[in-house]
Amino acid sequence: MGLFSFLKNAGANLFKGAKPAAPSTPSTSSTPDLAAQIALKNQKIQLLRQLVESFGFDVKDLILELNDDTVIVNGKVASQEQREKVVLVLGNVDGIATVDDRLEVIEPAPEAVFYEVKKGDTLSKIAKAHYGNAMKYPVIFEANKPMLKDPDLIYPGQVLRIPPLD
């Protein structure tokens, strides 16, 4: 699919508890301890992996890389829907600005549109804009489960899947 941009300072605050390890040796230089940086990066990757797994997504051979505020995701998923949801879960994390999607889909299907929620948006308003019918909001809600638990709980900066209508 490629690169997807997200609002960097919106979303789940997954890295709140991630802290760099104390330097292994006292240093007089202002250069951060490389081992501590690597440990923090690995801790963040593990938190992202746990997040993907917590939603029950079946990603075969999942490999995550983290370069500053960009997550690179590799692996295989069964469907286009799973692929898009994995990208959204990773991108809707505070501190992540870009997801580089390198996932392989076993059964390709038409791609959904990604939509960034604006202030004042509701799922009904989004459904009206994309489908011409506000009552189609359940389609958007269902397309974003399990990330969305309530159709009234969306926030500005959040990115949602807007699937094509059948």
N, C-alpha and C. Protein backbone atom coordinates (compact mmCIF):
# COMPACT_ATOMS: atom_id res chain seq x y z
N MET A 1 0.81 -1.18 0.00
CA MET A 1 0.00 0.00 0.00
C MET A 1 0.86 1.25 0.00
N GLY A 2 1.92 1.28 0.79
CA GLY A 2 2.79 2.44 0.76
C GLY A 2 2.88 3.18 2.07
N LEU A 3 3.12 4.49 1.97
CA LEU A 3 3.28 5.34 3.14
C LEU A 3 1.97 6.00 3.51
N PHE A 4 1.66 6.02 4.80
CA PHE A 4 0.46 6.66 5.30
C PHE A 4 0.84 7.64 6.39
N SER A 5 0.32 8.85 6.27
CA SER A 5 0.63 9.90 7.24
C SER A 5 -0.48 9.99 8.29
N PHE A 6 -0.06 10.25 9.51
CA PHE A 6 -0.98 10.38 10.64
C PHE A 6 -0.60 11.64 11.41
N LEU A 7 -1.54 12.13 12.21
CA LEU A 7 -1.26 13.26 13.07
C LEU A 7 -0.40 12.73 14.21
N LYS A 8 0.85 13.19 14.30
CA LYS A 8 1.84 12.63 15.21
C LYS A 8 1.43 12.71 16.68
N ASN A 9 0.79 13.78 17.07
CA ASN A 9 0.47 13.97 18.49
C ASN A 9 -0.98 13.69 18.81
N ALA A 10 -1.57 12.70 18.14
CA ALA A 10 -2.93 12.27 18.43
C ALA A 10 -2.93 10.76 18.52
N GLY A 11 -3.86 10.24 19.29
CA GLY A 11 -3.99 8.79 19.38
C GLY A 11 -3.61 8.25 20.73
N ALA A 12 -3.56 6.93 20.80
CA ALA A 12 -3.25 6.24 22.05
C ALA A 12 -1.85 6.61 22.51
N ASN A 13 -1.72 6.91 23.79
CA ASN A 13 -0.42 7.28 24.35
C ASN A 13 0.30 6.01 24.79
N LEU A 14 0.67 5.21 23.83
CA LEU A 14 1.28 3.90 24.06
C LEU A 14 2.66 3.98 24.68
N PHE A 15 3.42 5.01 24.34
CA PHE A 15 4.81 5.10 24.78
C PHE A 15 4.97 5.86 26.09
N LYS A 16 3.88 6.19 26.76
CA LYS A 16 3.93 6.97 27.99
C LYS A 16 4.88 6.36 29.02
N GLY A 17 4.82 5.06 29.19
CA GLY A 17 5.66 4.39 30.18
C GLY A 17 7.04 4.02 29.69
N ALA A 18 7.28 4.18 28.39
CA ALA A 18 8.59 3.81 27.82
C ALA A 18 9.61 4.88 28.18
N LYS A 19 10.62 4.47 28.90
CA LYS A 19 11.66 5.40 29.32
C LYS A 19 13.02 4.83 28.95
N PRO A 20 13.93 5.72 28.57
CA PRO A 20 15.27 5.22 28.26
C PRO A 20 15.92 4.63 29.50
N ALA A 21 16.68 3.57 29.29
CA ALA A 21 17.42 2.96 30.40
C ALA A 21 18.52 3.91 30.85
N ALA A 22 18.91 3.76 32.09
CA ALA A 22 20.01 4.58 32.61
C ALA A 22 21.29 4.23 31.85
N PRO A 23 22.16 5.20 31.63
CA PRO A 23 23.41 4.91 30.92
C PRO A 23 24.19 3.81 31.63
N SER A 24 24.81 2.95 30.84
CA SER A 24 25.55 1.83 31.41
C SER A 24 26.84 2.29 32.08
N THR A 25 27.39 3.37 31.60
CA THR A 25 28.60 3.92 32.23
C THR A 25 28.45 5.43 32.31
N PRO A 26 28.94 6.03 33.37
CA PRO A 26 28.84 7.49 33.45
C PRO A 26 29.57 8.12 32.28
N SER A 27 28.98 9.17 31.74
CA SER A 27 29.56 9.81 30.57
C SER A 27 29.67 11.30 30.81
N THR A 28 30.75 11.86 30.38
CA THR A 28 30.92 13.30 30.49
C THR A 28 30.51 13.98 29.21
N SER A 29 30.30 13.22 28.16
CA SER A 29 29.92 13.82 26.89
C SER A 29 28.40 14.02 26.85
N SER A 30 27.93 14.87 25.98
CA SER A 30 26.50 15.12 25.86
C SER A 30 25.83 14.13 24.92
N THR A 31 26.60 13.20 24.34
CA THR A 31 26.05 12.20 23.45
C THR A 31 25.27 11.16 24.25
N PRO A 32 23.99 10.94 23.89
CA PRO A 32 23.21 9.95 24.63
C PRO A 32 23.83 8.56 24.50
N ASP A 33 23.64 7.77 25.51
CA ASP A 33 24.15 6.41 25.52
C ASP A 33 23.44 5.59 24.43
N LEU A 34 24.20 5.08 23.48
CA LEU A 34 23.65 4.34 22.35
C LEU A 34 22.87 3.11 22.82
N ALA A 35 23.37 2.43 23.82
CA ALA A 35 22.68 1.24 24.33
C ALA A 35 21.31 1.60 24.88
N ALA A 36 21.20 2.75 25.54
CA ALA A 36 19.92 3.19 26.09
C ALA A 36 18.95 3.53 24.96
N GLN A 37 19.45 4.15 23.91
CA GLN A 37 18.60 4.48 22.76
C GLN A 37 18.07 3.22 22.09
N ILE A 38 18.94 2.23 21.93
CA ILE A 38 18.53 0.97 21.31
C ILE A 38 17.50 0.25 22.19
N ALA A 39 17.73 0.27 23.49
CA ALA A 39 16.80 -0.38 24.43
C ALA A 39 15.43 0.30 24.37
N LEU A 40 15.39 1.62 24.32
CA LEU A 40 14.13 2.35 24.24
C LEU A 40 13.41 2.04 22.93
N LYS A 41 14.14 2.02 21.84
CA LYS A 41 13.56 1.71 20.53
C LYS A 41 12.96 0.31 20.54
N ASN A 42 13.69 -0.66 21.09
CA ASN A 42 13.19 -2.03 21.17
C ASN A 42 11.96 -2.13 22.05
N GLN A 43 11.94 -1.35 23.13
CA GLN A 43 10.79 -1.33 24.02
C GLN A 43 9.55 -0.79 23.28
N LYS A 44 9.72 0.26 22.49
CA LYS A 44 8.62 0.82 21.72
C LYS A 44 8.12 -0.16 20.67
N ILE A 45 9.04 -0.85 20.00
CA ILE A 45 8.66 -1.86 19.00
C ILE A 45 7.84 -2.96 19.67
N GLN A 46 8.27 -3.38 20.84
CA GLN A 46 7.55 -4.43 21.57
C GLN A 46 6.14 -3.96 21.95
N LEU A 47 6.00 -2.70 22.36
CA LEU A 47 4.69 -2.15 22.70
C LEU A 47 3.79 -2.10 21.46
N LEU A 48 4.35 -1.73 20.31
CA LEU A 48 3.58 -1.72 19.07
C LEU A 48 3.14 -3.13 18.68
N ARG A 49 4.03 -4.09 18.84
CA ARG A 49 3.71 -5.50 18.53
C ARG A 49 2.57 -5.98 19.44
N GLN A 50 2.67 -5.66 20.73
CA GLN A 50 1.63 -6.06 21.67
C GLN A 50 0.29 -5.42 21.32
N LEU A 51 0.33 -4.17 20.85
CA LEU A 51 -0.90 -3.49 20.46
C LEU A 51 -1.57 -4.21 19.30
N VAL A 52 -0.80 -4.53 18.27
CA VAL A 52 -1.35 -5.25 17.11
C VAL A 52 -1.94 -6.58 17.57
N GLU A 53 -1.21 -7.30 18.39
CA GLU A 53 -1.66 -8.61 18.87
C GLU A 53 -2.89 -8.49 19.76
N SER A 54 -3.01 -7.39 20.52
CA SER A 54 -4.14 -7.22 21.44
C SER A 54 -5.47 -7.10 20.69
N PHE A 55 -5.44 -6.69 19.43
CA PHE A 55 -6.66 -6.59 18.64
C PHE A 55 -6.98 -7.90 17.93
N GLY A 56 -6.11 -8.89 18.09
CA GLY A 56 -6.37 -10.20 17.51
C GLY A 56 -6.09 -10.31 16.03
N PHE A 57 -5.31 -9.38 15.49
CA PHE A 57 -4.98 -9.44 14.07
C PHE A 57 -3.99 -10.58 13.85
N ASP A 58 -4.25 -11.38 12.85
CA ASP A 58 -3.38 -12.51 12.53
C ASP A 58 -2.41 -12.07 11.43
N VAL A 59 -1.24 -11.63 11.86
CA VAL A 59 -0.21 -11.19 10.92
C VAL A 59 0.91 -12.22 10.96
N LYS A 60 1.04 -12.95 9.88
CA LYS A 60 2.10 -13.96 9.81
C LYS A 60 3.44 -13.27 9.59
N ASP A 61 4.46 -13.73 10.30
CA ASP A 61 5.82 -13.21 10.15
C ASP A 61 5.88 -11.69 10.36
N LEU A 62 5.17 -11.21 11.38
CA LEU A 62 5.13 -9.77 11.67
C LEU A 62 6.52 -9.26 12.04
N ILE A 63 6.96 -8.25 11.30
CA ILE A 63 8.22 -7.57 11.60
C ILE A 63 7.92 -6.08 11.66
N LEU A 64 8.29 -5.45 12.76
CA LEU A 64 8.11 -4.01 12.93
C LEU A 64 9.47 -3.36 13.08
N GLU A 65 9.66 -2.25 12.40
CA GLU A 65 10.86 -1.44 12.54
C GLU A 65 10.39 -0.04 12.92
N LEU A 66 11.20 0.67 13.68
CA LEU A 66 10.86 2.02 14.10
C LEU A 66 12.02 2.94 13.80
N ASN A 67 11.74 3.95 12.97
CA ASN A 67 12.74 4.97 12.64
C ASN A 67 12.14 6.32 13.02
N ASP A 68 12.54 6.83 14.16
CA ASP A 68 12.00 8.07 14.70
C ASP A 68 10.49 7.95 14.85
N ASP A 69 9.70 8.66 14.02
CA ASP A 69 8.25 8.62 14.14
C ASP A 69 7.59 7.82 13.01
N THR A 70 8.38 6.94 12.37
CA THR A 70 7.88 6.09 11.28
C THR A 70 7.96 4.62 11.69
N VAL A 71 6.84 3.91 11.52
CA VAL A 71 6.80 2.47 11.74
C VAL A 71 6.79 1.79 10.38
N ILE A 72 7.67 0.82 10.20
CA ILE A 72 7.68 -0.01 8.99
C ILE A 72 7.11 -1.35 9.40
N VAL A 73 6.07 -1.80 8.70
CA VAL A 73 5.42 -3.06 9.06
C VAL A 73 5.50 -4.02 7.88
N ASN A 74 5.99 -5.23 8.17
CA ASN A 74 6.12 -6.31 7.20
C ASN A 74 5.38 -7.53 7.72
N GLY A 75 4.94 -8.38 6.82
CA GLY A 75 4.28 -9.62 7.18
C GLY A 75 3.21 -9.96 6.17
N LYS A 76 2.39 -10.96 6.50
CA LYS A 76 1.30 -11.39 5.62
C LYS A 76 0.00 -11.36 6.40
N VAL A 77 -1.05 -10.85 5.74
CA VAL A 77 -2.38 -10.84 6.33
C VAL A 77 -3.35 -11.50 5.34
N ALA A 78 -4.47 -11.98 5.85
CA ALA A 78 -5.42 -12.69 5.02
C ALA A 78 -6.21 -11.78 4.09
N SER A 79 -6.51 -10.55 4.54
CA SER A 79 -7.41 -9.69 3.76
C SER A 79 -6.95 -8.24 3.73
N GLN A 80 -7.48 -7.50 2.77
CA GLN A 80 -7.23 -6.07 2.67
C GLN A 80 -7.72 -5.35 3.92
N GLU A 81 -8.86 -5.78 4.44
CA GLU A 81 -9.41 -5.18 5.66
C GLU A 81 -8.43 -5.32 6.82
N GLN A 82 -7.86 -6.52 7.00
CA GLN A 82 -6.88 -6.73 8.06
C GLN A 82 -5.67 -5.81 7.86
N ARG A 83 -5.22 -5.70 6.63
CA ARG A 83 -4.07 -4.85 6.32
C ARG A 83 -4.34 -3.41 6.75
N GLU A 84 -5.48 -2.90 6.35
CA GLU A 84 -5.83 -1.51 6.67
C GLU A 84 -5.98 -1.29 8.17
N LYS A 85 -6.54 -2.26 8.86
CA LYS A 85 -6.71 -2.12 10.31
C LYS A 85 -5.37 -2.14 11.03
N VAL A 86 -4.45 -2.97 10.59
CA VAL A 86 -3.11 -2.98 11.19
C VAL A 86 -2.44 -1.62 11.00
N VAL A 87 -2.54 -1.07 9.79
CA VAL A 87 -1.96 0.25 9.52
C VAL A 87 -2.58 1.30 10.42
N LEU A 88 -3.90 1.26 10.57
CA LEU A 88 -4.59 2.25 11.41
C LEU A 88 -4.22 2.12 12.88
N VAL A 89 -4.14 0.88 13.37
CA VAL A 89 -3.77 0.68 14.77
C VAL A 89 -2.39 1.26 15.04
N LEU A 90 -1.45 1.00 14.15
CA LEU A 90 -0.09 1.51 14.33
C LEU A 90 -0.03 3.02 14.17
N GLY A 91 -0.76 3.57 13.22
CA GLY A 91 -0.70 5.00 12.95
C GLY A 91 -1.44 5.85 13.96
N ASN A 92 -2.46 5.28 14.60
CA ASN A 92 -3.23 6.04 15.59
C ASN A 92 -2.61 5.91 16.97
N VAL A 93 -1.30 6.01 17.02
CA VAL A 93 -0.53 6.00 18.27
C VAL A 93 0.17 7.35 18.39
N ASP A 94 0.05 7.97 19.55
CA ASP A 94 0.72 9.25 19.79
C ASP A 94 2.22 9.06 19.59
N GLY A 95 2.82 9.91 18.76
CA GLY A 95 4.25 9.83 18.49
C GLY A 95 4.58 9.19 17.14
N ILE A 96 3.57 8.58 16.50
CA ILE A 96 3.77 7.97 15.19
C ILE A 96 3.17 8.89 14.14
N ALA A 97 3.98 9.30 13.17
CA ALA A 97 3.53 10.21 12.12
C ALA A 97 3.33 9.49 10.79
N THR A 98 4.03 8.37 10.58
CA THR A 98 3.98 7.68 9.29
C THR A 98 4.03 6.17 9.52
N VAL A 99 3.23 5.45 8.73
CA VAL A 99 3.32 3.99 8.69
C VAL A 99 3.71 3.62 7.27
N ASP A 100 4.82 2.90 7.15
CA ASP A 100 5.30 2.38 5.87
C ASP A 100 4.78 0.95 5.77
N ASP A 101 3.70 0.78 5.03
CA ASP A 101 3.01 -0.51 4.93
C ASP A 101 3.67 -1.37 3.86
N ARG A 102 4.24 -2.47 4.31
CA ARG A 102 4.83 -3.44 3.40
C ARG A 102 4.19 -4.81 3.58
N LEU A 103 2.95 -4.80 4.09
CA LEU A 103 2.22 -6.04 4.32
C LEU A 103 1.78 -6.67 3.00
N GLU A 104 1.82 -7.97 2.95
CA GLU A 104 1.35 -8.73 1.79
C GLU A 104 -0.05 -9.25 2.12
N VAL A 105 -0.98 -9.09 1.18
CA VAL A 105 -2.35 -9.56 1.36
C VAL A 105 -2.55 -10.84 0.57
N ILE A 106 -3.05 -11.87 1.25
CA ILE A 106 -3.26 -13.16 0.60
C ILE A 106 -4.45 -13.09 -0.36
N GLU A 107 -5.56 -12.45 0.06
CA GLU A 107 -6.75 -12.31 -0.79
C GLU A 107 -7.02 -10.82 -1.02
N PRO A 108 -6.44 -10.23 -2.06
CA PRO A 108 -6.63 -8.80 -2.31
C PRO A 108 -8.10 -8.43 -2.56
N ALA A 109 -8.44 -7.20 -2.22
CA ALA A 109 -9.79 -6.65 -2.43
C ALA A 109 -9.64 -5.15 -2.61
N PRO A 110 -10.71 -4.47 -3.03
CA PRO A 110 -10.61 -3.01 -3.18
C PRO A 110 -10.20 -2.34 -1.86
N GLU A 111 -9.38 -1.30 -1.98
CA GLU A 111 -8.90 -0.59 -0.80
C GLU A 111 -9.96 0.37 -0.29
N ALA A 112 -9.96 0.57 1.03
CA ALA A 112 -10.82 1.56 1.66
C ALA A 112 -10.12 2.92 1.56
N VAL A 113 -10.88 3.98 1.77
CA VAL A 113 -10.34 5.33 1.86
C VAL A 113 -10.00 5.57 3.33
N PHE A 114 -8.89 6.24 3.60
CA PHE A 114 -8.57 6.62 4.97
C PHE A 114 -8.99 8.07 5.15
N TYR A 115 -9.65 8.35 6.26
CA TYR A 115 -10.17 9.69 6.53
C TYR A 115 -9.69 10.15 7.90
N GLU A 116 -9.13 11.37 7.96
CA GLU A 116 -8.71 11.95 9.24
C GLU A 116 -9.86 12.75 9.82
N VAL A 117 -10.28 12.38 11.02
CA VAL A 117 -11.39 13.02 11.71
C VAL A 117 -11.04 14.48 12.00
N LYS A 118 -11.99 15.37 11.70
CA LYS A 118 -11.84 16.80 11.96
C LYS A 118 -12.71 17.19 13.15
N LYS A 119 -12.42 18.32 13.76
CA LYS A 119 -13.22 18.82 14.87
C LYS A 119 -14.67 18.98 14.40
N GLY A 120 -15.60 18.48 15.18
CA GLY A 120 -17.02 18.57 14.85
C GLY A 120 -17.55 17.40 14.04
N ASP A 121 -16.68 16.50 13.61
CA ASP A 121 -17.12 15.33 12.85
C ASP A 121 -17.87 14.34 13.73
N THR A 122 -18.81 13.66 13.12
CA THR A 122 -19.48 12.50 13.71
C THR A 122 -19.44 11.42 12.63
N LEU A 123 -19.69 10.18 13.02
CA LEU A 123 -19.72 9.13 12.00
C LEU A 123 -20.85 9.38 11.00
N SER A 124 -21.96 9.94 11.45
CA SER A 124 -23.06 10.27 10.54
C SER A 124 -22.64 11.32 9.51
N LYS A 125 -21.95 12.34 9.97
CA LYS A 125 -21.49 13.40 9.08
C LYS A 125 -20.49 12.85 8.06
N ILE A 126 -19.61 11.98 8.51
CA ILE A 126 -18.62 11.37 7.62
C ILE A 126 -19.32 10.46 6.60
N ALA A 127 -20.33 9.68 7.07
CA ALA A 127 -21.08 8.80 6.18
C ALA A 127 -21.83 9.62 5.12
N LYS A 128 -22.40 10.74 5.52
CA LYS A 128 -23.11 11.61 4.57
C LYS A 128 -22.14 12.12 3.50
N ALA A 129 -20.94 12.52 3.91
CA ALA A 129 -19.95 13.05 2.97
C ALA A 129 -19.43 11.97 2.02
N HIS A 130 -19.24 10.76 2.51
CA HIS A 130 -18.63 9.71 1.68
C HIS A 130 -19.63 8.83 0.94
N TYR A 131 -20.80 8.62 1.56
CA TYR A 131 -21.78 7.73 0.96
C TYR A 131 -23.05 8.45 0.50
N GLY A 132 -23.20 9.73 0.89
CA GLY A 132 -24.41 10.46 0.54
C GLY A 132 -25.58 10.12 1.44
N ASN A 133 -25.34 9.37 2.52
CA ASN A 133 -26.41 8.94 3.42
C ASN A 133 -25.86 8.84 4.84
N ALA A 134 -26.33 9.73 5.71
CA ALA A 134 -25.85 9.75 7.10
C ALA A 134 -26.17 8.46 7.85
N MET A 135 -27.22 7.77 7.42
CA MET A 135 -27.62 6.53 8.10
C MET A 135 -26.70 5.35 7.79
N LYS A 136 -25.71 5.56 6.96
CA LYS A 136 -24.72 4.52 6.66
C LYS A 136 -23.57 4.54 7.66
N TYR A 137 -23.68 5.34 8.73
CA TYR A 137 -22.59 5.43 9.70
C TYR A 137 -22.23 4.07 10.31
N PRO A 138 -23.19 3.11 10.47
CA PRO A 138 -22.79 1.81 11.02
C PRO A 138 -21.76 1.08 10.15
N VAL A 139 -21.76 1.35 8.84
CA VAL A 139 -20.77 0.72 7.95
C VAL A 139 -19.37 1.17 8.36
N ILE A 140 -19.22 2.46 8.64
CA ILE A 140 -17.92 3.00 9.06
C ILE A 140 -17.56 2.48 10.44
N PHE A 141 -18.53 2.45 11.33
CA PHE A 141 -18.28 1.93 12.69
C PHE A 141 -17.80 0.48 12.63
N GLU A 142 -18.52 -0.36 11.90
CA GLU A 142 -18.15 -1.78 11.79
C GLU A 142 -16.78 -1.96 11.13
N ALA A 143 -16.47 -1.09 10.16
CA ALA A 143 -15.20 -1.19 9.45
C ALA A 143 -14.01 -0.83 10.34
N ASN A 144 -14.28 -0.18 11.45
CA ASN A 144 -13.20 0.26 12.34
C ASN A 144 -13.20 -0.46 13.68
N LYS A 145 -14.00 -1.52 13.79
CA LYS A 145 -13.94 -2.37 14.97
C LYS A 145 -12.72 -3.26 14.84
N PRO A 146 -12.02 -3.63 15.83
CA PRO A 146 -12.27 -3.38 17.24
C PRO A 146 -11.62 -2.10 17.76
N MET A 147 -11.04 -1.28 16.87
CA MET A 147 -10.41 -0.05 17.35
C MET A 147 -11.45 0.91 17.93
N LEU A 148 -12.62 0.98 17.31
CA LEU A 148 -13.71 1.79 17.85
C LEU A 148 -14.61 0.91 18.70
N LYS A 149 -14.92 1.39 19.87
CA LYS A 149 -15.80 0.64 20.77
C LYS A 149 -17.19 1.27 20.85
N ASP A 150 -17.29 2.54 20.45
CA ASP A 150 -18.54 3.29 20.53
C ASP A 150 -18.57 4.26 19.35
N PRO A 151 -19.68 4.31 18.59
CA PRO A 151 -19.73 5.20 17.43
C PRO A 151 -19.66 6.68 17.79
N ASP A 152 -19.89 7.02 19.04
CA ASP A 152 -19.83 8.42 19.46
C ASP A 152 -18.46 8.83 19.99
N LEU A 153 -17.51 7.89 20.03
CA LEU A 153 -16.19 8.19 20.60
C LEU A 153 -15.12 8.21 19.52
N ILE A 154 -15.12 9.28 18.75
CA ILE A 154 -14.05 9.53 17.78
C ILE A 154 -13.43 10.87 18.15
N TYR A 155 -12.21 11.12 17.71
CA TYR A 155 -11.52 12.35 18.10
C TYR A 155 -10.77 12.94 16.92
N PRO A 156 -10.61 14.27 16.92
CA PRO A 156 -9.86 14.92 15.83
C PRO A 156 -8.44 14.35 15.72
N GLY A 157 -8.03 14.09 14.50
CA GLY A 157 -6.71 13.52 14.24
C GLY A 157 -6.74 12.02 14.07
N GLN A 158 -7.77 11.37 14.57
CA GLN A 158 -7.91 9.93 14.41
C GLN A 158 -8.14 9.62 12.94
N VAL A 159 -7.58 8.52 12.46
CA VAL A 159 -7.77 8.12 11.07
C VAL A 159 -8.67 6.89 11.05
N LEU A 160 -9.69 6.95 10.20
CA LEU A 160 -10.67 5.86 10.09
C LEU A 160 -10.67 5.27 8.69
N ARG A 161 -11.10 4.01 8.60
CA ARG A 161 -11.31 3.33 7.31
C ARG A 161 -12.71 3.67 6.83
N ILE A 162 -12.82 4.05 5.57
CA ILE A 162 -14.12 4.25 4.94
C ILE A 162 -14.18 3.25 3.78
N PRO A 163 -14.77 2.07 4.02
CA PRO A 163 -14.76 1.04 2.98
C PRO A 163 -15.73 1.37 1.86
N PRO A 164 -15.48 0.80 0.68
CA PRO A 164 -16.45 0.98 -0.39
C PRO A 164 -17.74 0.24 -0.03
N LEU A 165 -18.88 0.77 -0.49
CA LEU A 165 -20.15 0.08 -0.26
C LEU A 165 -20.26 -1.07 -1.24
N ASP A 166 -20.85 -2.15 -0.78
CA ASP A 166 -21.03 -3.33 -1.66
C ASP A 166 -22.05 -3.09 -2.71
